[in-house]
Each structure stands twice: as structure tokens, then as C-alpha cells.
């Protein structure tokens, strides 16, 4: 009888924390619904842009960088402070975003922040090697973000591999109640019939998940479609 009581108490002690964690997870996971597309006209509408918010934007090099810079052309930057996340080896994207920053004419110019982190996965990288590089990227991203004086209000992503560790670390902070960052993922224009691997992994945790082809919004319940945005 004594042993049975110990087992019973131990089981309850283990199950209650697990139940609390699962309840918390269910509470913060974005609701599985399809928002109405009425009134949506540009990226500012999609990210629910408001005054005096901090937006963190990941530039993924090459085509991803080009698409992202086209996506954000219509943003009224005077309402945002900016944190750019780039691969530590991506000098081209850094040069392009610095050019964008120089061209900004805002009523109250805020100095942007740049986070240079290791790339999560290189092109044609093997599975084992990509797992290692993703872990290194996650650790590096974690250390960089916790040093920020203010965590972002919005995280804007469009598909490069580094978006996965970045978004999941932000989601971990949300789980712990340390931030309320809205994760907005916009799938690449190149993804016509299926989501990218990054998209599949980020679909459950993204507050807004945007695709640029109607078929994808029909195939994936949480995907929102507003036409081609780039």
C-alpha cells in the first residue's frame, strides 16, 4: 500500500506539470482559422502595422532578399524601429539593406540594428550537417536576441532556412511569457504547388501565414491568400 501511494503521488507530480505545459502550449498556438481578406491591400495591412513598433526582418540572401525588399517597399517606416537579421557571410544583403536605410526619409529617424548570425542551412547541405548548422544558428540567434534592449513586436519572414530557428526561439519566448511578438510568414512566390520546408515547419506557430498562389490557400487551412505581393 505504501509503495502504491508513492507511485500515485509521483504520477500526479509528473502529470500535473505536463498538463500545465500542454495547456499553455494550446493557449498560445495561433488559432486554426482563415482570416478574412477584406480590406487587405499591402504588407502594412498584413502585419497589422501600428505606430511605434519594432519590426524584425530576416533577409535570407539571393532571391529571398530580393523578394523581401520588394515586399516591404510600401511600409511607412516612420512608424517602425527596425532590426535586420542577416547571415554573417551575406555581404550582398547587408549592402542592399544599408542602401535601403540610407534612402529612408522619416520624420523621426531611428538607427536600425543588425544581427549577423550563422546560416541555418546551406544549399545542397546534407541532413546531418544541416542539423548541426541549424543548432549552431539557433544558439547564436538566441544569444543575439536576448541581448536586444527591446524584443520585436513583429517578426517578418519569407522562407530561408534561418527563419526556422529564429521563429522557434521567438515562439519559445512567447511560451515563457517573455514577449508577445507576432510571427508573420510570407511564403516565397516560387512556391506554387507546395510549401517550402521552412513553411511546413512554421505553419503551426505563425500568427499570420501568407501564400502567393490560390492553390496553396486551398491546400493548407491556415494559409491566407491576397494575390501576388512581390
Protein backbone atom coordinates (compact mmCIF):
# COMPACT_ATOMS: atom_id res chain seq x y z
CA UNK A 1 0.00 0.00 0.00
CA UNK A 2 2.81 2.37 0.91
CA UNK A 3 4.55 1.75 -2.41
CA UNK A 4 1.27 2.30 -4.29
CA UNK A 5 0.83 5.69 -2.63
CA UNK A 6 4.35 6.74 -3.62
CA UNK A 7 3.68 5.71 -7.22
CA UNK A 8 0.36 7.57 -7.18
CA UNK A 9 1.88 10.77 -5.78
CA UNK A 10 4.83 10.58 -8.16
CA UNK A 11 2.50 10.13 -11.13
CA UNK A 12 0.44 13.16 -10.13
CA UNK A 13 3.62 15.22 -9.58
CA UNK A 14 4.75 14.39 -13.12
CA UNK A 15 1.39 14.63 -14.89
CA UNK A 16 0.29 17.99 -13.47
CA UNK A 17 3.33 19.94 -14.83
CA UNK A 18 2.94 18.16 -18.18
CA UNK A 19 -0.74 19.09 -18.28
CA UNK A 20 0.10 22.70 -17.43
CA UNK A 21 2.70 22.85 -20.21
CA UNK A 22 0.28 21.37 -22.75
CA UNK A 23 -2.43 23.81 -21.68
CA UNK A 24 -0.03 26.73 -22.07
CA UNK A 25 1.04 25.45 -25.50
CA UNK A 26 -2.57 25.10 -26.64
CA UNK A 27 -3.30 28.61 -25.39
CA UNK A 28 -0.50 30.39 -27.28
CA UNK A 29 -0.60 28.42 -30.53
CA UNK A 30 -2.26 30.55 -33.20
CA UNK A 31 -5.91 29.66 -33.76
CA UNK A 32 -6.53 27.34 -36.71
CA UNK A 33 -8.74 29.59 -38.80
CA UNK A 34 -8.68 31.55 -42.03
CA UNK A 35 -8.88 35.33 -41.52
CA UNK A 36 -10.98 37.32 -43.97
CA UNK A 37 -9.06 39.05 -46.74
CA UNK A 38 -11.37 42.04 -46.81
CA UNK A 39 -9.58 45.35 -46.63
CA UNK A 40 -6.10 43.89 -47.12
CA UNK A 41 -4.16 45.87 -49.70
CA UNK A 42 -0.48 45.81 -48.79
CA UNK A 43 2.13 44.46 -46.41
CA UNK A 44 1.32 47.09 -43.75
CA UNK A 45 -2.25 45.74 -43.57
CA UNK A 46 -0.99 42.16 -43.29
CA UNK A 47 1.40 42.85 -40.43
CA UNK A 48 -1.22 44.98 -38.69
CA UNK A 49 1.15 47.91 -38.70
CA UNK A 50 0.73 50.39 -35.87
CA UNK A 51 2.75 53.32 -34.67
CA UNK A 52 5.93 52.96 -32.67
CA UNK A 53 6.50 49.23 -33.01
CA UNK A 54 9.70 47.29 -33.53
CA UNK A 55 9.81 45.05 -36.58
CA UNK A 56 12.43 42.35 -37.03
CA UNK A 57 13.05 41.29 -40.64
CA UNK A 58 15.09 38.31 -41.80
CA UNK A 59 16.97 38.64 -45.09
CA UNK A 60 17.84 35.24 -46.48
CA UNK A 61 20.21 36.17 -49.31
CA UNK A 62 19.69 35.92 -53.07
CA UNK A 63 16.09 35.58 -54.20
CA UNK A 64 14.73 35.65 -50.64
CA UNK A 65 16.37 39.02 -50.01
CA UNK A 66 15.07 40.40 -53.30
CA UNK A 67 11.51 39.29 -52.54
CA UNK A 68 11.61 40.64 -49.00
CA UNK A 69 12.84 44.05 -50.08
CA UNK A 70 10.02 44.23 -52.65
CA UNK A 71 7.51 43.09 -50.03
CA UNK A 72 8.38 45.89 -47.63
CA UNK A 73 8.58 48.74 -50.15
CA UNK A 74 5.17 50.10 -49.11
CA UNK A 75 5.83 50.13 -45.36
CA UNK A 76 5.65 53.57 -43.74
CA UNK A 77 8.96 53.31 -41.94
CA UNK A 78 8.40 56.33 -39.72
CA UNK A 79 6.13 54.11 -37.63
CA UNK A 80 8.71 51.37 -37.10
CA UNK A 81 12.04 50.80 -35.43
CA UNK A 82 13.93 48.13 -37.30
CA UNK A 83 16.06 45.08 -36.53
CA UNK A 84 17.56 43.29 -39.53
CA UNK A 85 18.71 39.68 -39.24
CA UNK A 86 21.25 38.52 -41.83
CA UNK A 87 23.64 35.66 -42.43
CA UNK A 88 27.12 36.55 -41.20
CA UNK A 89 28.52 35.68 -44.65
CA UNK A 90 25.88 37.54 -46.68
CA UNK A 91 27.65 40.77 -47.57
CA UNK A 92 25.37 41.36 -50.56
CA UNK A 93 22.15 41.53 -48.49
CA UNK A 94 23.87 43.72 -45.91
CA UNK A 95 24.88 46.16 -48.63
CA UNK A 96 21.34 46.23 -50.05
CA UNK A 97 19.65 46.85 -46.72
CA UNK A 98 22.14 49.56 -45.81
CA UNK A 99 21.24 51.22 -49.10
CA UNK A 100 17.56 50.98 -48.14
CA UNK A 101 18.32 52.55 -44.76
CA UNK A 102 20.19 55.43 -46.39
CA UNK A 103 17.23 56.14 -48.62
CA UNK A 104 14.69 56.30 -45.80
CA UNK A 105 13.26 59.73 -45.18
CA UNK A 106 11.33 59.52 -41.93
CA UNK A 107 10.05 62.13 -39.56
CA UNK A 108 11.92 60.52 -36.70
CA UNK A 109 14.91 58.57 -37.96
CA UNK A 110 15.69 55.60 -35.75
CA UNK A 111 19.02 53.86 -36.11
CA UNK A 112 18.47 50.26 -37.23
CA UNK A 113 20.02 47.24 -35.54
CA UNK A 114 21.77 44.46 -37.44
CA UNK A 115 22.03 40.89 -36.12
CA UNK A 116 24.60 38.82 -38.01
CA UNK A 117 24.06 35.10 -37.38
CA UNK A 118 25.31 31.84 -38.90
CA UNK A 119 23.20 30.44 -41.72
CA UNK A 120 20.98 27.55 -40.59
CA UNK A 121 21.32 25.52 -43.75
CA UNK A 122 23.43 25.92 -46.87
CA UNK A 123 22.29 24.97 -50.36
CA UNK A 124 22.66 21.22 -51.01
CA UNK A 125 23.87 20.64 -47.46
CA UNK A 126 23.43 17.08 -46.16
CA UNK A 127 20.92 16.18 -43.44
CA UNK A 128 23.37 15.59 -40.59
CA UNK A 129 25.39 18.66 -41.46
CA UNK A 130 22.24 20.81 -41.72
CA UNK A 131 21.09 19.65 -38.27
CA UNK A 132 24.42 20.72 -36.82
CA UNK A 133 24.39 24.09 -38.59
CA UNK A 134 20.77 24.70 -37.53
CA UNK A 135 21.65 24.06 -33.88
CA UNK A 136 24.61 26.43 -34.13
CA UNK A 137 22.34 29.03 -35.75
CA UNK A 138 19.70 28.58 -33.02
CA UNK A 139 22.24 29.12 -30.24
CA UNK A 140 23.73 32.14 -31.98
CA UNK A 141 20.28 33.65 -32.63
CA UNK A 142 19.27 33.05 -29.02
CA UNK A 143 22.32 34.85 -27.67
CA UNK A 144 21.85 37.75 -30.08
CA UNK A 145 18.15 38.25 -29.31
CA UNK A 146 18.42 38.13 -25.53
CA UNK A 147 20.95 40.97 -25.75
CA UNK A 148 18.45 43.24 -27.50
CA UNK A 149 17.13 46.09 -25.33
CA UNK A 150 13.63 45.57 -26.77
CA UNK A 151 12.16 42.42 -28.27
CA UNK A 152 10.33 42.82 -31.60
CA UNK A 153 6.61 43.41 -31.84
CA UNK A 154 6.58 41.76 -35.27
CA UNK A 155 8.83 39.13 -36.84
CA UNK A 156 8.62 39.12 -40.64
CA UNK A 157 9.91 36.07 -42.55
CA UNK A 158 9.73 34.80 -46.11
CA UNK A 159 11.22 31.33 -46.18
CA UNK A 160 15.01 31.00 -45.86
CA UNK A 161 16.24 28.16 -43.63
CA UNK A 162 17.39 30.53 -40.88
CA UNK A 163 13.77 31.56 -40.36
CA UNK A 164 13.12 28.25 -38.58
CA UNK A 165 15.49 28.63 -35.58
CA UNK A 166 14.70 32.36 -35.43
CA UNK A 167 10.92 31.86 -35.32
CA UNK A 168 11.09 28.95 -32.89
CA UNK A 169 13.25 30.88 -30.45
CA UNK A 170 10.77 33.77 -30.56
CA UNK A 171 7.96 31.25 -30.04
CA UNK A 172 9.85 29.83 -27.03
CA UNK A 173 9.99 33.33 -25.53
CA UNK A 174 6.25 33.67 -26.14
CA UNK A 175 5.67 30.31 -24.46
CA UNK A 176 7.60 31.55 -21.43
CA UNK A 177 5.58 34.77 -21.39
CA UNK A 178 8.61 36.95 -22.17
CA UNK A 179 7.28 38.57 -25.35
CA UNK A 180 4.15 38.97 -27.46
CA UNK A 181 5.82 39.02 -30.86
CA UNK A 182 3.53 38.37 -33.83
CA UNK A 183 5.18 35.95 -36.26
CA UNK A 184 4.28 36.75 -39.88
CA UNK A 185 5.45 34.30 -42.55
CA UNK A 186 5.09 35.07 -46.26
CA UNK A 187 5.84 32.10 -48.49
CA UNK A 188 8.09 32.66 -51.48
CA UNK A 189 6.49 33.39 -54.86
CA UNK A 190 8.38 30.36 -56.18
CA UNK A 191 6.24 28.01 -54.09
CA UNK A 192 3.28 27.36 -56.37
CA UNK A 193 2.07 23.84 -55.54
CA UNK A 194 3.59 23.07 -52.14
CA UNK A 195 5.08 24.83 -49.16
CA UNK A 196 8.79 25.11 -48.57
CA UNK A 197 10.29 23.07 -45.73
CA UNK A 198 10.51 26.28 -43.71
CA UNK A 199 6.85 26.95 -44.41
CA UNK A 200 5.77 23.49 -43.27
CA UNK A 201 7.74 23.84 -40.03
CA UNK A 202 6.46 27.35 -39.30
CA UNK A 203 2.82 26.83 -40.25
CA UNK A 204 1.76 25.81 -36.69
CA UNK A 205 3.44 28.74 -34.90
CA UNK A 206 2.90 31.65 -37.30
CA UNK A 207 0.27 34.21 -36.31
CA UNK A 208 -0.19 35.08 -39.99
CA UNK A 209 0.79 32.66 -42.76
CA UNK A 210 0.58 34.19 -46.23
CA UNK A 211 0.88 32.41 -49.58
CA UNK A 212 1.01 33.97 -53.02
CA UNK A 213 -0.85 31.35 -55.06
CA UNK A 214 -4.54 30.42 -54.56
CA UNK A 215 -3.91 26.65 -54.72
CA UNK A 216 -1.83 26.78 -51.53
CA UNK A 217 -4.60 28.57 -49.61
CA UNK A 218 -6.96 25.77 -50.63
CA UNK A 219 -4.48 23.04 -49.73
CA UNK A 220 -3.46 24.41 -46.32
CA UNK A 221 -6.23 25.51 -43.98
CA UNK A 222 -4.30 28.27 -42.16
CA UNK A 223 -2.80 29.80 -45.31
CA UNK A 224 -4.06 33.25 -46.34
CA UNK A 225 -4.03 34.39 -49.97
CA UNK A 226 -4.18 38.02 -51.11
CA UNK A 227 -2.63 37.75 -54.56
CA UNK A 228 0.98 38.22 -55.58
CA UNK A 229 2.69 40.60 -53.15
CA UNK A 230 6.16 40.98 -54.71
